Protein backbone atom coordinates (compact mmCIF):
# COMPACT_ATOMS: atom_id res chain seq x y z
CA MET A 1 55.83 168.93 51.65
CA PHE A 2 56.67 165.44 52.50
CA HIS A 3 60.44 165.94 51.92
CA TRP A 4 59.75 168.41 54.90
CA GLN A 5 58.62 166.14 57.01
CA LEU A 6 61.72 163.92 56.69
CA ILE A 7 63.85 166.61 57.27
CA VAL A 8 61.87 167.14 60.31
CA LEU A 9 61.73 163.81 61.50
CA SER A 10 65.27 162.67 60.76
CA SER A 11 66.51 166.20 62.22
CA ILE A 12 64.43 165.18 65.43
CA LEU A 13 66.30 161.62 65.71
CA VAL A 14 69.45 162.99 65.73
CA LEU A 15 69.08 165.33 68.44
CA LEU A 16 67.58 162.58 70.38
CA THR A 17 70.42 160.28 69.76
CA LEU A 18 73.43 162.63 69.57
CA PRO A 19 74.15 163.31 73.48
CA GLY A 20 74.16 159.44 73.89
CA THR A 21 76.72 159.13 70.66
CA ILE A 22 78.74 161.44 72.47
CA GLU A 23 78.86 159.64 75.83
CA LEU A 24 78.99 156.56 74.02
CA ALA A 25 82.46 157.61 72.49
CA MET A 26 83.85 159.35 75.74
CA ILE A 27 84.09 156.92 77.81
CA THR A 28 84.76 154.32 75.73
CA ILE A 29 87.94 155.65 74.76
CA ALA A 30 88.66 156.75 78.30
CA GLY A 31 87.39 153.41 79.42
CA MET A 32 90.36 151.91 77.26
CA LEU A 33 92.89 153.84 78.64
CA PRO A 34 95.38 152.57 81.37
CA SER A 35 93.68 153.47 85.12
CA ARG A 36 95.33 156.26 87.12
CA ASP A 37 94.88 157.14 90.74
CA PRO A 38 91.55 157.68 91.27
CA LEU A 39 91.98 160.15 94.55
CA PRO A 40 95.27 162.30 94.26
CA ASN A 41 93.20 165.16 96.70
CA ALA A 42 91.90 163.27 99.33
CA ILE A 43 92.30 163.34 102.74
CA ALA A 44 93.49 159.59 104.79
CA SER A 45 90.29 158.89 106.84
CA THR A 46 90.04 156.35 109.36
CA ILE A 47 87.16 153.07 109.33
CA GLY A 48 86.85 151.25 111.95
CA ARG A 49 83.58 149.57 111.90
CA LEU A 50 82.30 147.71 108.41
CA ALA A 51 78.72 147.08 108.02
CA ILE A 52 77.68 145.19 105.08
CA VAL A 53 73.91 145.77 104.52
CA ILE A 54 72.09 143.07 102.88
CA PRO A 55 68.68 144.48 101.55
CA ALA A 56 66.03 141.37 101.47
CA HIS A 57 62.46 140.77 100.28
CA ASN A 58 61.36 136.87 100.27
CA GLU A 59 64.80 135.68 99.44
CA ALA A 60 65.06 132.90 101.50
CA THR A 61 66.40 130.63 98.07
CA SER A 62 69.68 132.83 98.39
CA ILE A 63 70.03 134.44 101.36
CA VAL A 64 72.35 132.14 103.09
CA ARG A 65 74.53 131.56 100.16
CA CYS A 66 74.91 135.37 100.22
CA VAL A 67 75.68 135.69 103.63
CA ARG A 68 78.12 133.12 103.49
CA SER A 69 79.52 134.47 100.47
CA VAL A 70 79.95 137.82 102.80
CA GLY A 71 81.23 135.88 105.57
CA ALA A 72 84.55 134.33 103.86
CA CYS A 73 86.22 137.43 102.60
CA MET A 74 89.37 138.25 103.93
CA LEU A 75 88.87 141.34 106.82
CA PRO A 76 91.32 144.20 107.02
CA ASP A 77 93.16 144.61 109.78
CA SER A 78 91.60 146.48 112.66
CA VAL A 79 88.19 147.15 110.65
CA GLU A 80 85.28 145.61 112.67
CA THR A 81 83.03 144.27 110.36
CA GLU A 82 79.28 143.09 110.90
CA ILE A 83 76.81 141.64 108.23
CA VAL A 84 72.96 142.52 108.60
CA VAL A 85 69.72 141.35 106.69
CA VAL A 86 67.40 143.71 106.12
CA ALA A 87 64.41 141.31 106.08
CA ASP A 88 61.87 143.53 104.57
CA ASN A 89 58.35 142.65 104.36
CA CYS A 90 58.87 139.29 104.45
CA THR A 91 56.38 136.75 104.10
CA ASP A 92 59.26 133.81 104.01
CA ALA A 93 62.02 132.14 106.23
CA THR A 94 64.66 134.91 105.13
CA ALA A 95 65.44 136.26 108.66
CA ASP A 96 65.48 133.05 110.27
CA LEU A 97 67.73 131.48 107.31
CA ALA A 98 70.13 135.08 107.88
CA ARG A 99 70.28 134.14 111.69
CA GLY A 100 71.37 130.72 110.90
CA ALA A 101 73.84 131.79 108.75
CA ASN A 102 75.38 134.07 111.77
CA ALA A 103 73.96 137.51 110.26
CA ARG A 104 72.31 140.30 112.00
CA VAL A 105 68.89 140.55 111.15
CA LEU A 106 66.95 143.86 111.27
CA VAL A 107 63.17 143.21 110.49
CA ARG A 108 61.24 145.92 108.66
CA SER A 109 57.56 145.54 108.42
CA ASP A 110 55.73 148.45 106.77
CA SER A 111 53.35 148.05 104.23
CA ALA A 112 52.38 151.01 102.88
CA ARG A 113 56.20 151.99 102.32
CA ARG A 114 57.97 149.03 100.48
CA GLY A 115 60.54 149.06 98.28
CA LYS A 116 65.19 148.87 98.72
CA GLY A 117 64.95 152.56 98.94
CA PHE A 118 62.83 152.31 102.24
CA ALA A 119 65.15 149.19 103.41
CA LEU A 120 68.37 150.58 103.04
CA ARG A 121 67.15 154.54 104.49
CA PHE A 122 65.93 152.02 107.60
CA ALA A 123 69.14 150.45 107.36
CA PHE A 124 71.65 152.68 107.20
CA GLU A 125 69.83 155.38 109.53
CA THR A 126 70.12 152.32 112.17
CA LEU A 127 73.86 152.03 111.49
CA LEU A 128 74.73 155.32 111.74
CA ASP A 129 73.41 155.59 114.82
CA GLU A 130 75.39 152.87 116.08
CA GLY A 131 78.68 154.43 114.98
CA PHE A 132 79.56 152.66 112.07
CA ASP A 133 82.13 154.28 109.85
CA ALA A 134 80.76 152.93 106.51
CA VAL A 135 78.16 150.88 104.62
CA VAL A 136 78.51 148.25 101.78
CA VAL A 137 75.65 147.12 99.95
CA VAL A 138 74.99 143.48 98.89
CA ASP A 139 72.45 142.34 96.82
CA ALA A 140 70.57 138.73 98.71
CA ASP A 141 71.02 137.03 94.78
CA SER A 142 74.67 137.94 94.83
CA VAL A 143 78.34 136.55 95.69
CA VAL A 144 81.21 138.40 96.04
CA ASP A 145 84.93 138.32 95.70
CA SER A 146 87.32 137.13 98.68
CA ASN A 147 89.01 140.22 98.26
CA LEU A 148 85.68 142.53 98.24
CA LEU A 149 86.20 144.10 102.04
CA LEU A 150 90.33 144.30 101.34
CA GLU A 151 89.53 146.86 98.62
CA VAL A 152 86.46 148.30 99.84
CA VAL A 153 88.43 149.74 103.15
CA ARG A 154 91.35 150.58 101.18
CA LEU A 155 89.73 153.20 99.09
CA PHE A 156 87.86 154.49 102.48
CA ARG A 157 91.23 154.51 104.31
CA MET A 158 92.35 156.65 100.81
CA GLY A 159 89.31 159.37 101.46
CA ALA A 160 86.84 158.49 99.27
CA ASP A 161 83.56 159.35 99.73
CA GLY A 162 81.94 156.19 98.46
CA VAL A 163 82.80 152.94 95.98
CA GLN A 164 81.20 151.19 93.56
CA VAL A 165 82.36 147.23 92.72
CA ARG A 166 82.38 145.49 89.16
CA TYR A 167 78.77 144.50 89.21
CA VAL A 168 78.72 141.38 86.63
CA VAL A 169 76.46 138.59 86.32
CA LEU A 170 76.47 135.17 88.35
CA ASN A 171 74.86 132.95 85.98
CA PRO A 172 75.37 134.13 82.62
CA ASP A 173 75.65 130.13 81.12
CA ASP A 174 72.34 129.64 81.96
CA SER A 175 70.89 131.23 78.84
CA THR A 176 70.98 133.38 75.79
CA ARG A 177 69.44 136.38 77.45
CA THR A 178 71.53 135.85 80.66
CA ARG A 179 74.66 135.58 78.44
CA LEU A 180 73.43 138.99 76.59
CA MET A 181 72.84 140.58 80.33
CA ASN A 182 76.59 139.95 81.10
CA VAL A 183 77.64 141.46 77.94
CA ALA A 184 75.41 144.61 78.94
CA PHE A 185 76.73 144.35 82.36
CA MET A 186 80.07 144.12 81.13
CA ALA A 187 79.54 147.61 78.86
CA PHE A 188 77.82 149.32 81.39
CA ASN A 189 78.53 148.40 84.92
CA VAL A 190 82.77 148.26 83.69
CA LEU A 191 83.68 149.86 80.77
CA ARG A 192 81.74 152.94 81.75
CA ALA A 193 83.16 152.69 85.09
CA ARG A 194 86.54 152.75 83.97
CA GLY A 195 86.01 155.55 81.43
CA ARG A 196 84.53 157.79 83.85
CA ALA A 197 87.33 156.97 86.45
CA ARG A 198 89.77 157.61 83.96
CA MET A 199 88.58 160.90 83.46
CA ASN A 200 88.34 161.67 87.27
CA LEU A 201 84.23 161.92 87.24
CA SER A 202 82.04 159.84 89.99
CA VAL A 203 81.45 156.46 88.55
CA GLY A 204 78.37 156.03 89.56
CA ILE A 205 76.06 153.77 92.04
CA PHE A 206 74.60 150.57 90.18
CA GLY A 207 72.49 149.21 93.10
CA ASN A 208 74.99 146.51 94.30
CA GLY A 209 78.20 146.31 95.16
CA PHE A 210 78.17 149.72 96.23
CA GLY A 211 79.50 151.83 99.33
CA LEU A 212 79.32 155.09 101.31
CA SER A 213 81.11 156.30 104.28
CA ARG A 214 79.78 157.98 107.26
CA ALA A 215 80.53 161.76 105.85
CA THR A 216 78.89 160.65 102.91
CA LEU A 217 75.40 159.45 104.24
CA LYS A 218 75.65 162.61 106.55
CA ALA A 219 75.96 165.14 104.31
CA VAL A 220 73.75 163.66 101.52
CA PRO A 221 71.31 161.62 103.62
CA TYR A 222 69.79 158.53 101.65
CA ASP A 223 65.76 159.07 101.31
CA SER A 224 65.67 157.45 97.59
CA GLN A 225 62.71 155.52 97.36
CA SER A 226 62.29 154.80 93.26
CA LEU A 227 62.63 152.24 91.49
CA VAL A 228 65.81 153.73 90.36
CA GLU A 229 67.07 154.34 94.03
CA ASP A 230 70.72 153.81 92.88
CA LEU A 231 71.05 156.21 90.09
CA GLU A 232 68.32 158.79 91.65
CA TYR A 233 70.66 159.18 95.02
CA HIS A 234 74.24 159.15 92.49
CA LEU A 235 72.64 162.23 91.28
CA ARG A 236 72.05 164.03 94.47
CA LEU A 237 75.84 162.80 95.35
CA VAL A 238 77.37 164.26 92.62
CA GLN A 239 75.34 167.27 93.24
CA ALA A 240 76.85 168.47 96.28
CA GLY A 241 79.90 167.44 95.16
CA LYS A 242 80.48 164.03 96.48
CA LYS A 243 82.42 161.58 94.32
CA ILE A 244 82.10 157.47 93.70
CA VAL A 245 85.46 155.56 93.10
CA PHE A 246 85.60 152.66 90.86
CA VAL A 247 86.82 149.06 92.71
CA ASP A 248 87.99 147.38 89.36
CA ARG A 249 89.90 144.59 91.50
CA ALA A 250 86.79 142.82 93.25
CA ARG A 251 83.32 141.77 92.20
CA VAL A 252 79.61 141.51 92.99
CA ARG A 253 78.02 138.85 90.70
CA ALA A 254 74.34 138.48 91.40
CA GLU A 255 72.01 136.02 89.49
CA MET A 256 69.73 137.19 86.55
CA PRO A 257 66.60 135.94 85.50
CA THR A 258 66.76 133.41 82.06
CA GLY A 259 63.75 134.86 80.61
CA GLY A 260 60.04 135.08 80.19
CA ARG A 261 58.27 137.35 82.58
CA GLY A 262 60.53 137.76 85.47
CA ALA A 263 63.35 139.04 82.55
CA SER A 264 60.76 141.47 81.02
CA THR A 265 58.96 142.86 84.50
CA GLN A 266 63.15 143.58 85.52
CA ARG A 267 64.01 145.18 82.60
CA ALA A 268 60.92 147.18 82.08
CA ARG A 269 61.02 148.97 86.03
CA TRP A 270 64.42 149.53 86.02
CA GLU A 271 64.36 151.43 82.38
CA GLY A 272 60.70 152.95 83.48
CA GLY A 273 61.70 154.25 86.84
CA ARG A 274 64.92 155.61 84.58
CA LEU A 275 62.78 157.47 82.38
CA ARG A 276 61.24 159.36 85.21
CA THR A 277 64.69 160.02 86.58
CA ALA A 278 65.87 161.57 83.77
CA LEU A 279 62.55 163.70 83.60
CA GLU A 280 62.81 165.14 86.24
CA ASN A 281 66.42 165.67 86.92
CA LEU A 282 67.75 166.58 83.10
CA PRO A 283 66.38 170.08 83.84
CA ARG A 284 68.56 170.97 86.96
CA LEU A 285 71.58 169.20 85.47
CA LEU A 286 71.24 171.50 82.24
CA GLY A 287 71.20 174.16 84.39
CA GLY A 288 74.18 173.49 86.45
CA VAL A 289 76.10 172.77 83.30
CA ILE A 290 75.54 176.44 82.06
CA SER A 291 76.12 177.78 85.21
CA GLY A 292 79.61 176.55 84.88
CA LYS A 293 79.70 173.27 86.92
CA SER A 294 81.14 170.87 84.79
CA ARG A 295 80.78 167.85 86.75
CA LEU A 296 77.11 167.80 86.06
CA LEU A 297 78.25 167.20 82.24
CA GLU A 298 78.68 163.72 82.39
CA PRO A 299 75.61 162.53 84.18
CA MET A 300 73.44 164.91 82.03
CA LEU A 301 74.92 163.02 79.21
CA GLU A 302 74.47 159.28 80.71
CA LEU A 303 70.67 160.38 81.58
CA LEU A 304 70.48 161.36 77.81
CA LEU A 305 71.67 158.14 76.59
CA LEU A 306 68.46 155.87 76.06
CA PRO A 307 68.63 152.11 76.34
CA LEU A 308 70.89 150.61 74.15
CA ALA A 309 68.43 148.88 71.95
CA PHE A 310 66.43 152.01 71.67
CA HIS A 311 69.19 154.01 70.63
CA ILE A 312 70.17 151.68 68.25
CA THR A 313 66.66 151.34 66.81
CA LEU A 314 66.93 154.94 66.56
CA LEU A 315 69.99 155.09 64.74
CA GLY A 316 68.85 152.60 62.08
CA VAL A 317 65.97 154.73 61.43
CA ILE A 318 67.95 157.28 60.63
CA ALA A 319 69.98 155.26 58.48
CA LEU A 320 66.91 154.83 55.83
CA MET A 321 66.17 158.54 55.60
CA PRO A 322 67.23 159.95 51.71
CA PHE A 323 69.85 162.07 53.51
CA VAL A 324 73.10 161.77 53.37
CA VAL A 325 74.87 163.80 56.43
CA ALA A 326 72.08 161.81 58.49
CA ARG A 327 73.39 158.29 56.90
CA ILE A 328 76.82 159.13 57.39
CA TYR A 329 75.95 160.19 61.66
CA ALA A 330 73.89 156.90 61.76
CA LEU A 331 76.09 154.29 60.28
CA LEU A 332 79.51 155.91 62.27
CA ALA A 333 76.90 155.75 65.81
CA LEU A 334 76.22 152.32 65.17
CA ALA A 335 80.11 151.63 64.47
CA LEU A 336 80.65 153.03 67.56
CA VAL A 337 77.88 151.39 69.25
CA ALA A 338 79.31 147.77 68.06
CA PHE A 339 83.13 149.24 68.95
CA HIS A 340 81.33 149.54 72.78
CA VAL A 341 80.22 146.53 73.27
CA VAL A 342 83.46 145.08 71.71
CA VAL A 343 85.80 146.55 74.07
CA GLY A 344 83.20 146.23 77.62
CA ILE A 345 83.61 142.50 76.98
CA LEU A 346 87.54 142.92 76.23
CA VAL A 347 88.10 145.15 79.30
CA GLY A 348 84.73 143.24 81.36
CA GLY A 349 87.36 140.16 81.51
CA GLY A 350 84.97 137.85 78.56
CA ASP A 351 85.03 135.39 76.34
CA TRP A 352 84.64 133.75 73.23
CA ARG A 353 80.71 132.40 74.56
CA ASP A 354 80.16 136.28 75.21
CA PHE A 355 81.30 137.34 71.61
CA SER A 356 79.13 134.42 70.36
CA ALA A 357 75.92 135.76 71.94
CA LEU A 358 75.95 138.66 70.04
CA LEU A 359 74.42 136.67 67.08
CA SER A 360 71.39 136.82 69.03
CA ALA A 361 71.62 140.67 69.84
CA PRO A 362 68.83 141.58 67.19
CA PHE A 363 66.23 139.38 68.88
CA TYR A 364 67.24 141.12 72.35
CA VAL A 365 66.67 144.38 70.62
CA ALA A 366 63.00 143.23 69.73
CA TRP A 367 62.22 141.69 72.76
CA LYS A 368 63.30 145.46 74.67
CA LEU A 369 61.32 147.25 72.21
CA ALA A 370 58.48 144.27 73.34
CA THR A 371 58.47 145.90 76.76
CA LEU A 372 58.41 149.72 75.96
CA PRO A 373 55.04 149.69 77.32
CA LYS A 374 55.79 148.01 80.43
CA THR A 375 58.56 150.42 80.69
CA VAL A 376 56.17 153.84 80.03
CA GLN A 377 54.13 152.40 82.47
CA SER A 378 56.66 151.87 85.52
CA ALA A 379 57.75 155.35 84.77
CA ARG A 380 56.33 155.80 88.64
CA SER A 381 57.61 157.52 91.24
CA VAL A 382 57.17 155.11 93.44
CA ALA A 383 56.61 150.95 93.01
CA PRO A 384 56.47 148.23 95.65
CA TRP A 385 59.40 146.21 95.79
CA VAL A 386 58.26 142.95 94.41
CA ARG A 387 60.61 140.45 93.97
CA THR A 388 62.07 138.82 90.42
CA GLU A 389 61.51 135.43 88.96
CA ARG A 390 64.38 134.14 88.34
């Protein structure tokens, strides 16, 4: 009887991890290949006015640095740009400091509807009414490369529905945890995006450093309000036939919490929101794939890919099962994860410090597993916008 219970358990674990293993294999191999024209059939577009939107909730310590970083960008020819800070339910000097840095400030006060999604919706509706042709979102704790606006406008002019630039860590040297997060970002935000771009798929929205055209916002209004508003909105874009293009030549770098409560809360909130989004959207995506909408297959597999710490843990359990086939699968899948991380460091521009940080990966996995109760608790549709401790 116990033997059959082990067979059932191993089968369930294999089914839970197999979609994620397939996803990792596809995007890793594709991400290693040379890039190609991201918009072979797009219709050229005119971009006359571009708004750089900076959503901010009590970001007095970083808002000036962010505004000045965006203000130092090289400007595209014949494009009017404006930096717009959304001071959302702020109780500090964020708005005054942003004005002092020569940004336009939109003050939003709504204690009943708090969150980045509400702030972005408010900004987008305001700016579309004013005739802006596209928007770019940069988080208030970030700095950007000086060529960011040039690259974004170039792709919008080529007809992109939306764009996503490289999103990596600003402070990888602050702690072992931020260094490991930098490794994760290079795999998740660079390698996976390159892989999707190579497969001519929409690369995703990572919440920071993304842009949307006026036509896209009109066709698919932004009304995402969850903890993972970027993931939620991107799924709607893909279902509507829209495509986000990867900007591989420019970066946005954000400050990450160095450890403790801030890091734990940030990851639990994001992964809890991702879990809820997966549960809500997987049936619809599966139905679309069955009906012949092949563009929905990769987003479905991506949702089925568990956070790597959990994915690795389940594969480790499978490897301990007394079944040869299950063990072989688990070992191959674990090797694929390692290969994926190594390739992510290489294509992401990492160095020996990123490779050496992998020695601490087991402790990072243990820390992630310890956040599981918070992750489950965070799997709610709406949660307040709480500034992460850094």
